[in-house]
Amino acid sequence: MGDGILNSGPERSGNAGRIEMTEGDLRQLEVAWTAQWRRPPTPEEMRNLVTARVREEILYREALALGLDKDDTIIKRRLAQKMEFVAEDVSGLREPTAQELRGWYAENGERFALPGRRSFRHLYFSQDRRGERVRDGAVRAHEQLVGASVDVPVAAGLADPFMFQDYYADRTPEQVAGIFGSQFAEALFQLAPGSWQGPVESGLGWHLVWVTSSAPGRVPAFEEIEGSVRAGWMDEQRVEGRRRAFEAMAARYQIVLPKARNAAR
């Protein structure tokens, strides 16, 4: 909040009874209002903003004077979060060299592994339509499709209408599971391309599946994802910086815990 006394707090201002708002404080109020309402505040609205901010500062200072900030879990948590940010700011985060990034990626490449993908066509057999005979119907349909092509005309007449798509291209296990369930996705990625297979159960019913193409998972080359590698390196450095900063702070304290209770009691 600007550079006025509101920002510094009573204990740093040298005059706990003085509340001063600078041009910077007023400008910040105006900018925040404009960002929210897409227009500058009217003179009356600006006066109300100033009044509300002064009221907030008065209540804040009076609360501190009464010690209301003590033993308050929410306040402690918020201050701890702010201290985390401060620790991160002073942790000396820097840009990595190209050699550092490549070395880090060589050790952490699995973090960036790309999942395998499948393209497949399926025939659907509905539990609602067929009841307890649903899987038997899928088995019989598969028997009729042994050796048949993926686009054999008779195939569609053997199955039931499906609420979504009959063909899915270039899908990851997560994407498949989002539609058919994890059990179906796991089974799909174990099937070889080039023939009708199944029946495979999903959360929707049973299916005969033809995998049209299969791409295995892989770890991409560094050049493909250099930006993501840099972001990962920076994140790790932030975590390490916070850890070091906290250890330095913790070293200034003695932690005393209650003695363990007698196990016999």
C-alpha atoms as a PDB file:
ATOM      1  CA  MET A   1       0.000   0.000   0.000  1.00  0.00           C
ATOM      2  CA  GLY A   2       2.238   2.786  -1.235  1.00  0.00           C
ATOM      3  CA  ASP A   3       4.958   4.250   0.921  1.00  0.00           C
ATOM      4  CA  GLY A   4       2.892   6.039   3.567  1.00  0.00           C
ATOM      5  CA  ILE A   5       2.605   5.466   7.274  1.00  0.00           C
ATOM      6  CA  LEU A   6      -0.270   3.050   6.643  1.00  0.00           C
ATOM      7  CA  ASN A   7       2.235   0.767   5.041  1.00  0.00           C
ATOM      8  CA  SER A   8       4.857   1.002   7.745  1.00  0.00           C
ATOM      9  CA  GLY A   9       2.706   0.380  10.808  1.00  0.00           C
ATOM     10  CA  PRO A  10       2.568   2.339  14.068  1.00  0.00           C
ATOM     11  CA  GLU A  11       5.604   0.753  15.613  1.00  0.00           C
ATOM     12  CA  ARG A  12       7.821   1.921  12.744  1.00  0.00           C
ATOM     13  CA  SER A  13       6.299   5.324  12.108  1.00  0.00           C
ATOM     14  CA  GLY A  14       7.520   6.863  15.362  1.00  0.00           C
ATOM     15  CA  ASN A  15       4.029   8.170  16.061  1.00  0.00           C
ATOM     16  CA  ALA A  16       1.385   5.593  16.826  1.00  0.00           C
ATOM     17  CA  GLY A  17      -1.344   8.268  16.867  1.00  0.00           C
ATOM     18  CA  ARG A  18      -0.598   9.537  13.351  1.00  0.00           C
ATOM     19  CA  ILE A  19      -2.225   8.073  10.240  1.00  0.00           C
ATOM     20  CA  GLU A  20      -1.016   9.597   6.994  1.00  0.00           C
ATOM     21  CA  MET A  21      -1.900   8.571   3.454  1.00  0.00           C
ATOM     22  CA  THR A  22       0.465   9.571   0.671  1.00  0.00           C
ATOM     23  CA  GLU A  23      -0.251  10.209  -2.992  1.00  0.00           C
ATOM     24  CA  GLY A  24       1.018   6.694  -3.624  1.00  0.00           C
ATOM     25  CA  ASP A  25      -1.548   5.259  -1.215  1.00  0.00           C
ATOM     26  CA  LEU A  26      -4.367   7.155  -2.902  1.00  0.00           C
ATOM     27  CA  ARG A  27      -3.171   6.133  -6.323  1.00  0.00           C
ATOM     28  CA  GLN A  28      -3.167   2.479  -5.312  1.00  0.00           C
ATOM     29  CA  LEU A  29      -6.753   2.731  -4.089  1.00  0.00           C
ATOM     30  CA  GLU A  30      -7.757   4.335  -7.377  1.00  0.00           C
ATOM     31  CA  VAL A  31      -5.959   1.731  -9.489  1.00  0.00           C
ATOM     32  CA  ALA A  32      -7.510  -1.171  -7.541  1.00  0.00           C
ATOM     33  CA  TRP A  33     -10.999   0.324  -7.949  1.00  0.00           C
ATOM     34  CA  THR A  34     -10.474   0.909 -11.675  1.00  0.00           C
ATOM     35  CA  ALA A  35      -9.229  -2.644 -12.203  1.00  0.00           C
ATOM     36  CA  GLN A  36     -12.348  -4.051 -10.538  1.00  0.00           C
ATOM     37  CA  TRP A  37     -15.013  -1.752 -11.965  1.00  0.00           C
ATOM     38  CA  ARG A  38     -13.418  -0.795 -15.310  1.00  0.00           C
ATOM     39  CA  ARG A  39     -13.739   2.924 -14.529  1.00  0.00           C
ATOM     40  CA  PRO A  40     -12.125   5.402 -12.141  1.00  0.00           C
ATOM     41  CA  PRO A  41     -13.923   6.122  -8.874  1.00  0.00           C
ATOM     42  CA  THR A  42     -16.085   9.204  -8.509  1.00  0.00           C
ATOM     43  CA  PRO A  43     -14.989  11.786  -5.909  1.00  0.00           C
ATOM     44  CA  GLU A  44     -17.552  10.401  -3.458  1.00  0.00           C
ATOM     45  CA  GLU A  45     -16.422   6.817  -4.076  1.00  0.00           C
ATOM     46  CA  MET A  46     -12.821   7.898  -3.558  1.00  0.00           C
ATOM     47  CA  ARG A  47     -13.719   9.498  -0.223  1.00  0.00           C
ATOM     48  CA  ASN A  48     -15.442   6.270   0.812  1.00  0.00           C
ATOM     49  CA  LEU A  49     -12.355   4.265  -0.151  1.00  0.00           C
ATOM     50  CA  VAL A  50     -10.123   6.506   1.958  1.00  0.00           C
ATOM     51  CA  THR A  51     -12.540   6.363   4.876  1.00  0.00           C
ATOM     52  CA  ALA A  52     -12.657   2.555   4.697  1.00  0.00           C
ATOM     53  CA  ARG A  53      -8.864   2.290   4.543  1.00  0.00           C
ATOM     54  CA  VAL A  54      -8.389   4.643   7.512  1.00  0.00           C
ATOM     55  CA  ARG A  55     -11.032   2.722   9.465  1.00  0.00           C
ATOM     56  CA  GLU A  56      -9.210  -0.532   8.697  1.00  0.00           C
ATOM     57  CA  GLU A  57      -5.903   0.937   9.890  1.00  0.00           C
ATOM     58  CA  ILE A  58      -7.439   2.273  13.116  1.00  0.00           C
ATOM     59  CA  LEU A  59      -9.046  -1.074  13.928  1.00  0.00           C
ATOM     60  CA  TYR A  60      -5.813  -2.879  13.051  1.00  0.00           C
ATOM     61  CA  ARG A  61      -3.736  -0.710  15.389  1.00  0.00           C
ATOM     62  CA  GLU A  62      -6.268  -0.951  18.210  1.00  0.00           C
ATOM     63  CA  ALA A  63      -6.353  -4.741  17.819  1.00  0.00           C
ATOM     64  CA  LEU A  64      -2.565  -4.868  18.086  1.00  0.00           C
ATOM     65  CA  ALA A  65      -2.690  -2.649  21.159  1.00  0.00           C
ATOM     66  CA  LEU A  66      -5.093  -5.079  22.820  1.00  0.00           C
ATOM     67  CA  GLY A  67      -2.946  -8.034  21.826  1.00  0.00           C
ATOM     68  CA  LEU A  68      -5.724  -9.598  19.753  1.00  0.00           C
ATOM     69  CA  ASP A  69      -3.149 -10.948  17.322  1.00  0.00           C
ATOM     70  CA  LYS A  70      -1.730 -13.234  19.998  1.00  0.00           C
ATOM     71  CA  ASP A  71      -2.611 -16.940  19.943  1.00  0.00           C
ATOM     72  CA  ASP A  72      -4.807 -16.523  16.863  1.00  0.00           C
ATOM     73  CA  THR A  73      -4.366 -19.535  14.590  1.00  0.00           C
ATOM     74  CA  ILE A  74      -5.512 -17.776  11.436  1.00  0.00           C
ATOM     75  CA  ILE A  75      -3.211 -14.800  11.986  1.00  0.00           C
ATOM     76  CA  LYS A  76      -0.290 -17.086  12.790  1.00  0.00           C
ATOM     77  CA  ARG A  77      -0.879 -19.075   9.620  1.00  0.00           C
ATOM     78  CA  ARG A  78      -1.109 -15.957   7.476  1.00  0.00           C
ATOM     79  CA  LEU A  79       2.062 -14.464   8.943  1.00  0.00           C
ATOM     80  CA  ALA A  80       3.860 -17.787   8.473  1.00  0.00           C
ATOM     81  CA  GLN A  81       2.808 -17.783   4.799  1.00  0.00           C
ATOM     82  CA  LYS A  82       4.090 -14.243   4.358  1.00  0.00           C
ATOM     83  CA  MET A  83       7.371 -15.256   5.987  1.00  0.00           C
ATOM     84  CA  GLU A  84       7.646 -18.091   3.470  1.00  0.00           C
ATOM     85  CA  PHE A  85       7.410 -15.514   0.680  1.00  0.00           C
ATOM     86  CA  VAL A  86      10.003 -13.320   2.361  1.00  0.00           C
ATOM     87  CA  ALA A  87      12.340 -16.294   2.725  1.00  0.00           C
ATOM     88  CA  GLU A  88      11.891 -17.091  -0.958  1.00  0.00           C
ATOM     89  CA  ASP A  89      12.629 -13.490  -1.972  1.00  0.00           C
ATOM     90  CA  VAL A  90      15.946 -13.487  -0.099  1.00  0.00           C
ATOM     91  CA  SER A  91      16.995 -16.973  -1.164  1.00  0.00           C
ATOM     92  CA  GLY A  92      19.219 -15.712  -3.972  1.00  0.00           C
ATOM     93  CA  LEU A  93      17.331 -17.366  -6.832  1.00  0.00           C
ATOM     94  CA  ARG A  94      19.260 -17.008 -10.082  1.00  0.00           C
ATOM     95  CA  GLU A  95      19.104 -18.065 -13.689  1.00  0.00           C
ATOM     96  CA  PRO A  96      20.620 -21.503 -14.401  1.00  0.00           C
ATOM     97  CA  THR A  97      23.356 -22.005 -16.932  1.00  0.00           C
ATOM     98  CA  ALA A  98      22.726 -24.227 -19.929  1.00  0.00           C
ATOM     99  CA  GLN A  99      25.122 -26.810 -18.487  1.00  0.00           C
ATOM    100  CA  GLU A 100      23.294 -26.830 -15.161  1.00  0.00           C
ATOM    101  CA  LEU A 101      19.933 -27.316 -16.873  1.00  0.00           C
ATOM    102  CA  ARG A 102      21.167 -30.201 -18.995  1.00  0.00           C
ATOM    103  CA  GLY A 103      22.786 -31.884 -16.020  1.00  0.00           C
ATOM    104  CA  TRP A 104      19.649 -31.455 -13.920  1.00  0.00           C
ATOM    105  CA  TYR A 105      17.487 -32.827 -16.724  1.00  0.00           C
ATOM    106  CA  ALA A 106      19.746 -35.857 -17.084  1.00  0.00           C
ATOM    107  CA  GLU A 107      18.980 -36.693 -13.441  1.00  0.00           C
ATOM    108  CA  ASN A 108      15.286 -35.747 -13.472  1.00  0.00           C
ATOM    109  CA  GLY A 109      14.123 -36.588 -16.974  1.00  0.00           C
ATOM    110  CA  GLU A 110      11.480 -39.043 -15.769  1.00  0.00           C
ATOM    111  CA  ARG A 111       9.550 -36.130 -14.296  1.00  0.00           C
ATOM    112  CA  PHE A 112       8.859 -34.985 -17.853  1.00  0.00           C
ATOM    113  CA  ALA A 113       8.009 -38.364 -19.360  1.00  0.00           C
ATOM    114  CA  LEU A 114       5.217 -38.197 -21.938  1.00  0.00           C
ATOM    115  CA  PRO A 115       2.499 -40.863 -21.622  1.00  0.00           C
ATOM    116  CA  GLY A 116       1.800 -43.410 -24.311  1.00  0.00           C
ATOM    117  CA  ARG A 117      -1.079 -42.785 -26.709  1.00  0.00           C
ATOM    118  CA  ARG A 118      -3.631 -44.945 -28.462  1.00  0.00           C
ATOM    119  CA  SER A 119      -6.028 -44.424 -31.322  1.00  0.00           C
ATOM    120  CA  PHE A 120      -8.877 -46.930 -31.324  1.00  0.00           C
ATOM    121  CA  ARG A 121     -12.319 -47.828 -32.586  1.00  0.00           C
ATOM    122  CA  HIS A 122     -14.805 -49.653 -30.393  1.00  0.00           C
ATOM    123  CA  LEU A 123     -18.156 -51.408 -30.499  1.00  0.00           C
ATOM    124  CA  TYR A 124     -20.393 -50.858 -27.497  1.00  0.00           C
ATOM    125  CA  PHE A 125     -22.608 -53.387 -25.714  1.00  0.00           C
ATOM    126  CA  SER A 126     -25.016 -51.816 -23.255  1.00  0.00           C
ATOM    127  CA  GLN A 127     -25.743 -53.260 -19.832  1.00  0.00           C
ATOM    128  CA  ASP A 128     -29.062 -51.409 -19.780  1.00  0.00           C
ATOM    129  CA  ARG A 129     -30.200 -52.906 -23.087  1.00  0.00           C
ATOM    130  CA  ARG A 130     -28.886 -56.448 -22.673  1.00  0.00           C
ATOM    131  CA  GLY A 131     -28.903 -57.003 -18.932  1.00  0.00           C
ATOM    132  CA  GLU A 132     -27.050 -60.071 -17.683  1.00  0.00           C
ATOM    133  CA  ARG A 133     -26.452 -61.269 -21.268  1.00  0.00           C
ATOM    134  CA  VAL A 134     -24.416 -58.202 -22.200  1.00  0.00           C
ATOM    135  CA  ARG A 135     -20.979 -59.871 -22.063  1.00  0.00           C
ATOM    136  CA  ASP A 136     -22.224 -62.969 -23.896  1.00  0.00           C
ATOM    137  CA  GLY A 137     -23.478 -60.691 -26.661  1.00  0.00           C
ATOM    138  CA  ALA A 138     -20.047 -59.099 -26.951  1.00  0.00           C
ATOM    139  CA  VAL A 139     -18.380 -62.533 -27.067  1.00  0.00           C
ATOM    140  CA  ARG A 140     -20.671 -63.700 -29.880  1.00  0.00           C
ATOM    141  CA  ALA A 141     -20.041 -60.496 -31.821  1.00  0.00           C
ATOM    142  CA  HIS A 142     -16.313 -60.995 -31.471  1.00  0.00           C
ATOM    143  CA  GLU A 143     -16.602 -64.507 -32.861  1.00  0.00           C
ATOM    144  CA  GLN A 144     -18.274 -63.080 -35.977  1.00  0.00           C
ATOM    145  CA  LEU A 145     -15.538 -60.456 -36.391  1.00  0.00           C
ATOM    146  CA  VAL A 146     -12.501 -62.737 -36.192  1.00  0.00           C
ATOM    147  CA  GLY A 147     -10.375 -61.912 -39.231  1.00  0.00           C
ATOM    148  CA  ALA A 148     -12.643 -59.009 -40.260  1.00  0.00           C
ATOM    149  CA  SER A 149     -11.387 -55.509 -41.048  1.00  0.00           C
ATOM    150  CA  VAL A 150     -11.856 -52.513 -38.801  1.00  0.00           C
ATOM    151  CA  ASP A 151     -14.499 -51.007 -41.094  1.00  0.00           C
ATOM    152  CA  VAL A 152     -16.420 -54.167 -41.964  1.00  0.00           C
ATOM    153  CA  PRO A 153     -20.069 -53.070 -42.554  1.00  0.00           C
ATOM    154  CA  VAL A 154     -21.599 -55.767 -40.362  1.00  0.00           C
ATOM    155  CA  ALA A 155     -19.767 -54.548 -37.261  1.00  0.00           C
ATOM    156  CA  ALA A 156     -22.052 -51.648 -36.401  1.00  0.00           C
ATOM    157  CA  GLY A 157     -25.141 -53.854 -36.569  1.00  0.00           C
ATOM    158  CA  LEU A 158     -23.739 -56.199 -33.933  1.00  0.00           C
ATOM    159  CA  ALA A 159     -23.417 -53.500 -31.245  1.00  0.00           C
ATOM    160  CA  ASP A 160     -25.552 -50.909 -29.495  1.00  0.00           C
ATOM    161  CA  PRO A 161     -25.563 -47.130 -30.038  1.00  0.00           C
ATOM    162  CA  PHE A 162     -22.938 -45.324 -27.982  1.00  0.00           C
ATOM    163  CA  MET A 163     -23.595 -41.924 -26.380  1.00  0.00           C
ATOM    164  CA  PHE A 164     -20.213 -40.510 -27.328  1.00  0.00           C
ATOM    165  CA  GLN A 165     -17.774 -41.364 -30.117  1.00  0.00           C
ATOM    166  CA  ASP A 166     -17.055 -44.666 -31.833  1.00  0.00           C
ATOM    167  CA  TYR A 167     -13.496 -43.582 -32.685  1.00  0.00           C
ATOM    168  CA  TYR A 168     -10.899 -41.873 -30.495  1.00  0.00           C
ATOM    169  CA  ALA A 169      -7.586 -40.601 -31.844  1.00  0.00           C
ATOM    170  CA  ASP A 170      -4.289 -40.133 -30.045  1.00  0.00           C
ATOM    171  CA  ARG A 171      -5.548 -40.436 -26.466  1.00  0.00           C
ATOM    172  CA  THR A 172      -3.489 -40.778 -23.290  1.00  0.00           C
ATOM    173  CA  PRO A 173      -4.403 -43.214 -20.489  1.00  0.00           C
ATOM    174  CA  GLU A 174      -5.754 -40.325 -18.432  1.00  0.00           C
ATOM    175  CA  GLN A 175      -7.963 -39.130 -21.285  1.00  0.00           C
ATOM    176  CA  VAL A 176      -9.310 -42.621 -21.912  1.00  0.00           C
ATOM    177  CA  ALA A 177      -9.961 -43.187 -18.213  1.00  0.00           C
ATOM    178  CA  GLY A 178     -11.905 -39.926 -18.070  1.00  0.00           C
ATOM    179  CA  ILE A 179     -14.496 -41.425 -20.438  1.00  0.00           C
ATOM    180  CA  PHE A 180     -14.380 -45.187 -19.959  1.00  0.00           C
ATOM    181  CA  GLY A 181     -12.821 -45.600 -16.513  1.00  0.00           C
ATOM    182  CA  SER A 182      -9.366 -46.660 -15.352  1.00  0.00           C
ATOM    183  CA  GLN A 183     -10.022 -50.403 -15.800  1.00  0.00           C
ATOM    184  CA  PHE A 184     -10.793 -49.952 -19.496  1.00  0.00           C
ATOM    185  CA  ALA A 185      -7.816 -47.618 -19.986  1.00  0.00           C
ATOM    186  CA  GLU A 186      -5.421 -50.108 -18.414  1.00  0.00           C
ATOM    187  CA  ALA A 187      -6.721 -52.934 -20.600  1.00  0.00           C
ATOM    188  CA  LEU A 188      -6.647 -50.790 -23.756  1.00  0.00           C
ATOM    189  CA  PHE A 189      -2.966 -49.984 -23.384  1.00  0.00           C
ATOM    190  CA  GLN A 190      -2.158 -53.693 -23.212  1.00  0.00           C
ATOM    191  CA  LEU A 191      -3.821 -54.476 -26.555  1.00  0.00           C
ATOM    192  CA  ALA A 192      -1.844 -54.819 -29.766  1.00  0.00           C
ATOM    193  CA  PRO A 193      -3.008 -52.918 -32.869  1.00  0.00           C
ATOM    194  CA  GLY A 194      -4.595 -54.507 -35.913  1.00  0.00           C
ATOM    195  CA  SER A 195      -7.564 -56.696 -34.890  1.00  0.00           C
ATOM    196  CA  TRP A 196     -10.871 -56.766 -33.052  1.00  0.00           C
ATOM    197  CA  GLN A 197     -10.189 -57.705 -29.419  1.00  0.00           C
ATOM    198  CA  GLY A 198     -12.194 -58.075 -26.247  1.00  0.00           C
ATOM    199  CA  PRO A 199     -14.635 -57.953 -24.773  1.00  0.00           C
ATOM    200  CA  VAL A 200     -13.244 -55.216 -22.515  1.00  0.00           C
ATOM    201  CA  GLU A 201     -15.321 -53.890 -19.634  1.00  0.00           C
ATOM    202  CA  SER A 202     -15.723 -50.199 -18.911  1.00  0.00           C
ATOM    203  CA  GLY A 203     -17.772 -48.136 -16.512  1.00  0.00           C
ATOM    204  CA  LEU A 204     -20.413 -47.916 -19.254  1.00  0.00           C
ATOM    205  CA  GLY A 205     -20.693 -51.524 -20.391  1.00  0.00           C
ATOM    206  CA  TRP A 206     -18.638 -53.886 -22.570  1.00  0.00           C
ATOM    207  CA  HIS A 207     -16.662 -53.171 -25.720  1.00  0.00           C
ATOM    208  CA  LEU A 208     -14.887 -54.790 -28.614  1.00  0.00           C
ATOM    209  CA  VAL A 209     -11.823 -52.722 -29.440  1.00  0.00           C
ATOM    210  CA  TRP A 210      -9.615 -52.244 -32.504  1.00  0.00           C
ATOM    211  CA  VAL A 211      -6.424 -50.338 -31.739  1.00  0.00           C
ATOM    212  CA  THR A 212      -5.536 -48.487 -34.942  1.00  0.00           C
ATOM    213  CA  SER A 213      -2.261 -46.973 -33.740  1.00  0.00           C
ATOM    214  CA  SER A 214      -0.026 -47.144 -30.695  1.00  0.00           C
ATOM    215  CA  ALA A 215       2.682 -44.750 -29.503  1.00  0.00           C
ATOM    216  CA  PRO A 216       4.730 -45.705 -26.423  1.00  0.00           C
ATOM    217  CA  GLY A 217       5.506 -43.285 -23.634  1.00  0.00           C
ATOM    218  CA  ARG A 218       8.842 -41.537 -23.866  1.00  0.00           C
ATOM    219  CA  VAL A 219      11.137 -39.028 -22.224  1.00  0.00           C
ATOM    220  CA  PRO A 220      11.398 -36.074 -24.622  1.00  0.00           C
ATOM    221  CA  ALA A 221      14.691 -34.608 -25.741  1.00  0.00           C
ATOM    222  CA  PHE A 222      15.943 -31.650 -23.729  1.00  0.00           C
ATOM    223  CA  GLU A 223      15.494 -29.287 -26.688  1.00  0.00           C
ATOM    224  CA  GLU A 224      11.781 -30.127 -26.941  1.00  0.00           C
ATOM    225  CA  ILE A 225      10.944 -28.925 -23.449  1.00  0.00           C
ATOM    226  CA  GLU A 226      13.777 -26.638 -22.399  1.00  0.00           C
ATOM    227  CA  GLY A 227      11.289 -24.087 -21.049  1.00  0.00           C
ATOM    228  CA  SER A 228       9.577 -26.682 -18.855  1.00  0.00           C
ATOM    229  CA  VAL A 229      12.951 -27.948 -17.644  1.00  0.00           C
ATOM    230  CA  ARG A 230      13.950 -24.429 -16.644  1.00  0.00           C
ATOM    231  CA  ALA A 231      10.652 -23.988 -14.754  1.00  0.00           C
ATOM    232  CA  GLY A 232      11.209 -27.289 -12.953  1.00  0.00           C
ATOM    233  CA  TRP A 233      14.762 -26.314 -12.014  1.00  0.00           C
ATOM    234  CA  MET A 234      13.590 -22.943 -10.712  1.00  0.00           C
ATOM    235  CA  ASP A 235      10.825 -24.562  -8.643  1.00  0.00           C
ATOM    236  CA  GLU A 236      13.316 -26.924  -7.069  1.00  0.00           C
ATOM    237  CA  GLN A 237      15.643 -24.039  -6.258  1.00  0.00           C
ATOM    238  CA  ARG A 238      12.787 -22.153  -4.611  1.00  0.00           C
ATOM    239  CA  VAL A 239      11.969 -25.139  -2.423  1.00  0.00           C
ATOM    240  CA  GLU A 240      15.623 -25.564  -1.503  1.00  0.00           C
ATOM    241  CA  GLY A 241      15.980 -21.847  -0.806  1.00  0.00           C
ATOM    242  CA  ARG A 242      12.995 -21.892   1.538  1.00  0.00           C
ATOM    243  CA  ARG A 243      14.392 -24.959   3.280  1.00  0.00           C
ATOM    244  CA  ARG A 244      17.768 -23.296   3.869  1.00  0.00           C
ATOM    245  CA  ALA A 245      16.159 -20.065   5.035  1.00  0.00           C
ATOM    246  CA  PHE A 246      13.950 -21.905   7.510  1.00  0.00           C
ATOM    247  CA  GLU A 247      16.860 -23.918   8.854  1.00  0.00           C
ATOM    248  CA  ALA A 248      18.740 -20.663   9.472  1.00  0.00           C
ATOM    249  CA  MET A 249      15.720 -19.223  11.314  1.00  0.00           C
ATOM    250  CA  ALA A 250      15.128 -22.432  13.286  1.00  0.00           C
ATOM    251  CA  ALA A 251      18.742 -22.446  14.451  1.00  0.00           C
ATOM    252  CA  ARG A 252      17.985 -19.352  16.517  1.00  0.00           C
ATOM    253  CA  TYR A 253      15.361 -21.180  18.594  1.00  0.00           C
ATOM    254  CA  GLN A 254      15.367 -23.854  21.242  1.00  0.00           C
ATOM    255  CA  ILE A 255      12.433 -26.246  20.823  1.00  0.00           C
ATOM    256  CA  VAL A 256      11.075 -27.624  24.106  1.00  0.00           C
ATOM    257  CA  LEU A 257       8.474 -30.402  24.054  1.00  0.00           C
ATOM    258  CA  PRO A 258       6.700 -32.035  27.005  1.00  0.00           C
ATOM    259  CA  LYS A 259       8.277 -35.199  28.354  1.00  0.00           C
ATOM    260  CA  ALA A 260       6.719 -38.413  27.141  1.00  0.00           C
ATOM    261  CA  ARG A 261       4.115 -39.835  29.462  1.00  0.00           C
ATOM    262  CA  ASN A 262       4.969 -42.925  31.402  1.00  0.00           C
ATOM    263  CA  ALA A 263       4.042 -45.824  29.142  1.00  0.00           C
ATOM    264  CA  ALA A 264       2.758 -47.782  32.136  1.00  0.00           C
ATOM    265  CA  ARG A 265       0.048 -45.251  32.911  1.00  0.00           C
END
